[in-house]
Amino acid sequence: MSTEHEKIVAEINDAFTRNDMEAFLAHCHEDVTWTMVGDATNKGKQTILEWMSSVPDMQPPTFSVTEMISNDDSVVCYGDMTMNDKGKEGDPYSYCDIYHFRDGKVAELRSFVVKLKS
């Protein structure tokens, strides 16, 4: 099952680069929890959609996946990404996303995102 979960994570990353929250949420349970460590925890598809919609003028990020590590019910995906910050384009970040699956859908996502020094 971990190979299937890795495919789902790749599809989710692609959805984020297209700013397609509906495609991301299609891979999630209704009661999904997404924690942005150091920022916010949101539970439920509708809450996550409202939270993401509240981010002003956010350009979709670009991802460079360094590695995915998976077991039966979890995938860890980490690498680098570029996104705007307060109207500036191209700010570099390092990220690590930890996905927990239940019945083939994302039940929990924990994201660690760190802005890198230019």
N, C-alpha and C. Protein backbone atom coordinates (compact mmCIF):
# COMPACT_ATOMS: atom_id res chain seq x y z
N MET A 1 0.82 -1.21 0.00
CA MET A 1 0.00 0.00 0.00
C MET A 1 0.86 1.26 0.00
N SER A 2 2.08 1.19 0.49
CA SER A 2 2.88 2.40 0.59
C SER A 2 3.17 3.02 -0.78
N THR A 3 3.33 2.19 -1.82
CA THR A 3 3.55 2.73 -3.16
C THR A 3 2.33 3.55 -3.61
N GLU A 4 1.14 3.04 -3.33
CA GLU A 4 -0.09 3.79 -3.66
C GLU A 4 -0.15 5.10 -2.87
N HIS A 5 0.23 5.06 -1.62
CA HIS A 5 0.24 6.28 -0.81
C HIS A 5 1.26 7.29 -1.35
N GLU A 6 2.40 6.82 -1.80
CA GLU A 6 3.39 7.72 -2.39
C GLU A 6 2.83 8.38 -3.66
N LYS A 7 2.09 7.64 -4.45
CA LYS A 7 1.44 8.22 -5.65
C LYS A 7 0.46 9.31 -5.24
N ILE A 8 -0.30 9.06 -4.18
CA ILE A 8 -1.26 10.05 -3.70
C ILE A 8 -0.53 11.32 -3.25
N VAL A 9 0.57 11.16 -2.51
CA VAL A 9 1.34 12.33 -2.06
C VAL A 9 1.88 13.10 -3.27
N ALA A 10 2.35 12.41 -4.29
CA ALA A 10 2.82 13.09 -5.50
C ALA A 10 1.67 13.86 -6.16
N GLU A 11 0.48 13.27 -6.20
CA GLU A 11 -0.69 13.96 -6.76
C GLU A 11 -1.06 15.18 -5.91
N ILE A 12 -0.94 15.05 -4.60
CA ILE A 12 -1.23 16.19 -3.71
C ILE A 12 -0.23 17.31 -3.95
N ASN A 13 1.07 16.98 -4.06
CA ASN A 13 2.07 18.02 -4.34
C ASN A 13 1.77 18.71 -5.66
N ASP A 14 1.37 17.94 -6.66
CA ASP A 14 1.00 18.52 -7.95
C ASP A 14 -0.21 19.44 -7.80
N ALA A 15 -1.19 19.02 -7.02
CA ALA A 15 -2.37 19.86 -6.78
C ALA A 15 -1.98 21.18 -6.12
N PHE A 16 -1.05 21.14 -5.16
CA PHE A 16 -0.60 22.37 -4.51
C PHE A 16 0.07 23.31 -5.52
N THR A 17 0.87 22.76 -6.43
CA THR A 17 1.54 23.63 -7.41
C THR A 17 0.55 24.26 -8.38
N ARG A 18 -0.62 23.64 -8.53
CA ARG A 18 -1.68 24.22 -9.39
C ARG A 18 -2.65 25.07 -8.57
N ASN A 19 -2.42 25.15 -7.27
CA ASN A 19 -3.32 25.86 -6.35
C ASN A 19 -4.73 25.27 -6.44
N ASP A 20 -4.80 23.94 -6.54
CA ASP A 20 -6.05 23.22 -6.69
C ASP A 20 -6.39 22.52 -5.38
N MET A 21 -7.00 23.25 -4.47
CA MET A 21 -7.31 22.71 -3.16
C MET A 21 -8.35 21.60 -3.23
N GLU A 22 -9.25 21.66 -4.19
CA GLU A 22 -10.26 20.62 -4.33
C GLU A 22 -9.60 19.28 -4.67
N ALA A 23 -8.57 19.30 -5.52
CA ALA A 23 -7.87 18.06 -5.87
C ALA A 23 -7.14 17.50 -4.65
N PHE A 24 -6.55 18.37 -3.83
CA PHE A 24 -5.93 17.93 -2.58
C PHE A 24 -6.96 17.30 -1.67
N LEU A 25 -8.06 18.01 -1.45
CA LEU A 25 -9.08 17.54 -0.50
C LEU A 25 -9.78 16.27 -0.97
N ALA A 26 -9.76 16.00 -2.27
CA ALA A 26 -10.36 14.76 -2.78
C ALA A 26 -9.61 13.53 -2.26
N HIS A 27 -8.38 13.71 -1.85
CA HIS A 27 -7.57 12.62 -1.30
C HIS A 27 -7.66 12.52 0.22
N CYS A 28 -8.53 13.33 0.82
CA CYS A 28 -8.60 13.41 2.28
C CYS A 28 -9.94 12.91 2.83
N HIS A 29 -9.91 12.43 4.06
CA HIS A 29 -11.13 12.10 4.79
C HIS A 29 -11.84 13.40 5.15
N GLU A 30 -13.15 13.33 5.36
CA GLU A 30 -13.92 14.50 5.78
C GLU A 30 -13.37 15.11 7.06
N ASP A 31 -12.88 14.26 7.98
CA ASP A 31 -12.40 14.75 9.28
C ASP A 31 -10.87 14.90 9.32
N VAL A 32 -10.24 15.10 8.16
CA VAL A 32 -8.80 15.25 8.09
C VAL A 32 -8.32 16.38 9.00
N THR A 33 -7.15 16.19 9.58
CA THR A 33 -6.51 17.22 10.39
C THR A 33 -5.20 17.62 9.72
N TRP A 34 -5.01 18.93 9.53
CA TRP A 34 -3.77 19.44 8.94
C TRP A 34 -3.16 20.41 9.95
N THR A 35 -1.98 20.06 10.42
CA THR A 35 -1.24 20.91 11.36
C THR A 35 -0.05 21.52 10.65
N MET A 36 -0.02 22.84 10.59
CA MET A 36 1.16 23.57 10.15
C MET A 36 1.90 23.90 11.44
N VAL A 37 2.93 23.14 11.72
CA VAL A 37 3.64 23.26 13.00
C VAL A 37 4.12 24.69 13.19
N GLY A 38 3.80 25.24 14.35
CA GLY A 38 4.16 26.62 14.67
C GLY A 38 3.16 27.64 14.18
N ASP A 39 2.09 27.19 13.50
CA ASP A 39 1.12 28.13 12.96
C ASP A 39 -0.30 27.75 13.36
N ALA A 40 -0.88 26.75 12.71
CA ALA A 40 -2.29 26.46 12.93
C ALA A 40 -2.57 24.97 12.75
N THR A 41 -3.63 24.52 13.41
CA THR A 41 -4.17 23.19 13.20
C THR A 41 -5.61 23.35 12.74
N ASN A 42 -5.93 22.72 11.62
CA ASN A 42 -7.28 22.81 11.07
C ASN A 42 -7.83 21.41 10.89
N LYS A 43 -9.10 21.23 11.29
CA LYS A 43 -9.73 19.92 11.21
C LYS A 43 -10.97 19.99 10.33
N GLY A 44 -11.04 19.07 9.37
CA GLY A 44 -12.18 19.01 8.47
C GLY A 44 -11.89 19.70 7.15
N LYS A 45 -12.42 19.12 6.07
CA LYS A 45 -12.19 19.66 4.73
C LYS A 45 -12.63 21.11 4.59
N GLN A 46 -13.82 21.43 5.10
CA GLN A 46 -14.33 22.78 4.94
C GLN A 46 -13.47 23.80 5.68
N THR A 47 -13.03 23.46 6.88
CA THR A 47 -12.17 24.36 7.66
C THR A 47 -10.84 24.58 6.94
N ILE A 48 -10.27 23.51 6.38
CA ILE A 48 -9.01 23.64 5.65
C ILE A 48 -9.20 24.51 4.41
N LEU A 49 -10.27 24.31 3.69
CA LEU A 49 -10.55 25.10 2.50
C LEU A 49 -10.70 26.58 2.86
N GLU A 50 -11.42 26.88 3.92
CA GLU A 50 -11.58 28.27 4.37
C GLU A 50 -10.25 28.87 4.80
N TRP A 51 -9.43 28.09 5.51
CA TRP A 51 -8.12 28.55 5.97
C TRP A 51 -7.22 28.87 4.78
N MET A 52 -7.18 27.97 3.80
CA MET A 52 -6.34 28.20 2.63
C MET A 52 -6.85 29.38 1.79
N SER A 53 -8.15 29.55 1.73
CA SER A 53 -8.73 30.67 0.97
C SER A 53 -8.45 32.01 1.63
N SER A 54 -8.16 31.99 2.93
CA SER A 54 -7.92 33.24 3.65
C SER A 54 -6.51 33.78 3.45
N VAL A 55 -5.64 32.99 2.85
CA VAL A 55 -4.26 33.44 2.61
C VAL A 55 -4.29 34.40 1.42
N PRO A 56 -3.93 35.67 1.67
CA PRO A 56 -4.05 36.68 0.60
C PRO A 56 -2.96 36.54 -0.45
N ASP A 57 -3.38 36.57 -1.71
CA ASP A 57 -2.46 36.64 -2.85
C ASP A 57 -1.32 35.64 -2.79
N MET A 58 -1.57 34.46 -2.31
CA MET A 58 -0.53 33.44 -2.24
C MET A 58 -0.36 32.80 -3.61
N GLN A 59 0.86 32.84 -4.11
CA GLN A 59 1.16 32.17 -5.36
C GLN A 59 1.41 30.69 -5.06
N PRO A 60 1.03 29.79 -5.96
CA PRO A 60 1.28 28.37 -5.72
C PRO A 60 2.77 28.10 -5.58
N PRO A 61 3.14 27.21 -4.68
CA PRO A 61 4.56 26.88 -4.49
C PRO A 61 5.06 25.96 -5.60
N THR A 62 6.37 25.93 -5.77
CA THR A 62 7.00 24.92 -6.59
C THR A 62 7.78 24.00 -5.66
N PHE A 63 7.75 22.70 -5.93
CA PHE A 63 8.35 21.71 -5.06
C PHE A 63 9.53 21.02 -5.71
N SER A 64 10.50 20.69 -4.90
CA SER A 64 11.57 19.79 -5.27
C SER A 64 11.59 18.72 -4.18
N VAL A 65 11.14 17.53 -4.51
CA VAL A 65 11.09 16.45 -3.53
C VAL A 65 12.46 15.80 -3.44
N THR A 66 13.03 15.80 -2.26
CA THR A 66 14.31 15.15 -2.03
C THR A 66 14.11 13.65 -1.84
N GLU A 67 13.10 13.31 -1.02
CA GLU A 67 12.87 11.90 -0.74
C GLU A 67 11.47 11.69 -0.17
N MET A 68 10.92 10.52 -0.45
CA MET A 68 9.70 10.05 0.20
C MET A 68 10.05 8.76 0.91
N ILE A 69 9.61 8.66 2.15
CA ILE A 69 9.82 7.46 2.96
C ILE A 69 8.44 7.00 3.40
N SER A 70 8.15 5.71 3.21
CA SER A 70 6.79 5.26 3.54
C SER A 70 6.80 3.91 4.23
N ASN A 71 5.72 3.69 4.96
CA ASN A 71 5.42 2.38 5.52
C ASN A 71 3.95 2.11 5.22
N ASP A 72 3.34 1.22 5.93
CA ASP A 72 1.97 0.82 5.61
C ASP A 72 0.97 1.97 5.57
N ASP A 73 1.01 2.85 6.57
CA ASP A 73 -0.02 3.88 6.70
C ASP A 73 0.52 5.30 6.73
N SER A 74 1.80 5.49 6.45
CA SER A 74 2.38 6.83 6.53
C SER A 74 3.36 7.08 5.40
N VAL A 75 3.46 8.34 5.01
CA VAL A 75 4.46 8.79 4.05
C VAL A 75 5.07 10.07 4.59
N VAL A 76 6.39 10.12 4.58
CA VAL A 76 7.12 11.34 4.90
C VAL A 76 7.72 11.84 3.59
N CYS A 77 7.46 13.08 3.28
CA CYS A 77 7.94 13.69 2.05
C CYS A 77 8.68 14.97 2.44
N TYR A 78 9.93 15.08 2.00
CA TYR A 78 10.65 16.31 2.34
C TYR A 78 11.46 16.79 1.15
N GLY A 79 11.78 18.07 1.21
CA GLY A 79 12.57 18.67 0.14
C GLY A 79 12.58 20.18 0.26
N ASP A 80 12.66 20.82 -0.87
CA ASP A 80 12.71 22.28 -0.93
C ASP A 80 11.53 22.79 -1.74
N MET A 81 11.14 24.00 -1.44
CA MET A 81 10.08 24.63 -2.22
C MET A 81 10.32 26.12 -2.27
N THR A 82 9.69 26.73 -3.25
CA THR A 82 9.78 28.17 -3.42
C THR A 82 8.36 28.70 -3.44
N MET A 83 8.13 29.75 -2.65
CA MET A 83 6.83 30.42 -2.68
C MET A 83 7.01 31.86 -2.26
N ASN A 84 5.98 32.67 -2.55
CA ASN A 84 6.10 34.07 -2.19
C ASN A 84 5.83 34.27 -0.70
N ASP A 85 6.33 35.34 -0.17
CA ASP A 85 6.11 35.71 1.22
C ASP A 85 5.88 37.21 1.26
N LYS A 86 4.65 37.59 1.59
CA LYS A 86 4.30 39.01 1.68
C LYS A 86 4.59 39.75 0.37
N GLY A 87 4.14 39.15 -0.74
CA GLY A 87 4.26 39.82 -2.02
C GLY A 87 5.57 39.61 -2.75
N LYS A 88 6.56 39.02 -2.11
CA LYS A 88 7.84 38.75 -2.77
C LYS A 88 7.77 37.36 -3.38
N GLU A 89 8.23 37.23 -4.59
CA GLU A 89 8.23 35.92 -5.22
C GLU A 89 9.59 35.26 -5.06
N GLY A 90 9.58 33.95 -5.01
CA GLY A 90 10.82 33.20 -5.05
C GLY A 90 11.53 32.98 -3.74
N ASP A 91 10.86 33.09 -2.60
CA ASP A 91 11.52 32.85 -1.33
C ASP A 91 11.73 31.35 -1.13
N PRO A 92 12.94 30.93 -0.75
CA PRO A 92 13.23 29.50 -0.59
C PRO A 92 12.83 28.98 0.79
N TYR A 93 12.29 27.77 0.80
CA TYR A 93 11.89 27.09 2.03
C TYR A 93 12.35 25.64 1.97
N SER A 94 12.48 25.05 3.12
CA SER A 94 12.65 23.62 3.24
C SER A 94 11.39 23.10 3.93
N TYR A 95 10.91 21.93 3.51
CA TYR A 95 9.67 21.43 4.10
C TYR A 95 9.77 19.93 4.40
N CYS A 96 8.94 19.51 5.31
CA CYS A 96 8.76 18.09 5.60
C CYS A 96 7.28 17.89 5.91
N ASP A 97 6.63 17.05 5.11
CA ASP A 97 5.22 16.73 5.32
C ASP A 97 5.11 15.28 5.75
N ILE A 98 4.34 15.05 6.80
CA ILE A 98 4.09 13.71 7.30
C ILE A 98 2.61 13.41 7.12
N TYR A 99 2.33 12.43 6.27
CA TYR A 99 0.96 12.04 5.95
C TYR A 99 0.63 10.73 6.66
N HIS A 100 -0.52 10.68 7.30
CA HIS A 100 -1.05 9.45 7.88
C HIS A 100 -2.33 9.12 7.14
N PHE A 101 -2.42 7.88 6.66
CA PHE A 101 -3.54 7.42 5.86
C PHE A 101 -4.45 6.50 6.66
N ARG A 102 -5.72 6.56 6.31
CA ARG A 102 -6.73 5.64 6.84
C ARG A 102 -7.62 5.25 5.67
N ASP A 103 -7.67 3.97 5.40
CA ASP A 103 -8.51 3.46 4.30
C ASP A 103 -8.20 4.14 2.96
N GLY A 104 -6.92 4.39 2.70
CA GLY A 104 -6.51 4.93 1.41
C GLY A 104 -6.66 6.43 1.24
N LYS A 105 -7.05 7.13 2.31
CA LYS A 105 -7.18 8.60 2.23
C LYS A 105 -6.39 9.23 3.37
N VAL A 106 -6.01 10.49 3.18
CA VAL A 106 -5.26 11.22 4.19
C VAL A 106 -6.16 11.51 5.38
N ALA A 107 -5.74 11.05 6.55
CA ALA A 107 -6.46 11.32 7.78
C ALA A 107 -5.79 12.44 8.58
N GLU A 108 -4.47 12.56 8.40
CA GLU A 108 -3.73 13.60 9.12
C GLU A 108 -2.52 14.02 8.29
N LEU A 109 -2.26 15.31 8.28
CA LEU A 109 -1.09 15.88 7.62
C LEU A 109 -0.44 16.83 8.62
N ARG A 110 0.85 16.62 8.83
CA ARG A 110 1.63 17.50 9.71
C ARG A 110 2.74 18.08 8.85
N SER A 111 2.78 19.41 8.73
CA SER A 111 3.74 20.10 7.86
C SER A 111 4.70 20.94 8.67
N PHE A 112 5.98 20.77 8.37
CA PHE A 112 7.04 21.60 8.94
C PHE A 112 7.61 22.39 7.77
N VAL A 113 7.57 23.71 7.85
CA VAL A 113 8.05 24.58 6.78
C VAL A 113 8.98 25.61 7.40
N VAL A 114 10.21 25.68 6.85
CA VAL A 114 11.20 26.60 7.39
C VAL A 114 11.74 27.48 6.26
N LYS A 115 11.66 28.78 6.45
CA LYS A 115 12.20 29.71 5.45
C LYS A 115 13.72 29.69 5.54
N LEU A 116 14.36 29.54 4.39
CA LEU A 116 15.82 29.50 4.34
C LEU A 116 16.37 30.90 4.17
N LYS A 117 17.56 31.10 4.68
CA LYS A 117 18.21 32.40 4.50
C LYS A 117 18.65 32.52 3.05
N SER A 118 18.43 33.69 2.48
CA SER A 118 18.78 33.91 1.07
C SER A 118 20.27 34.00 0.89
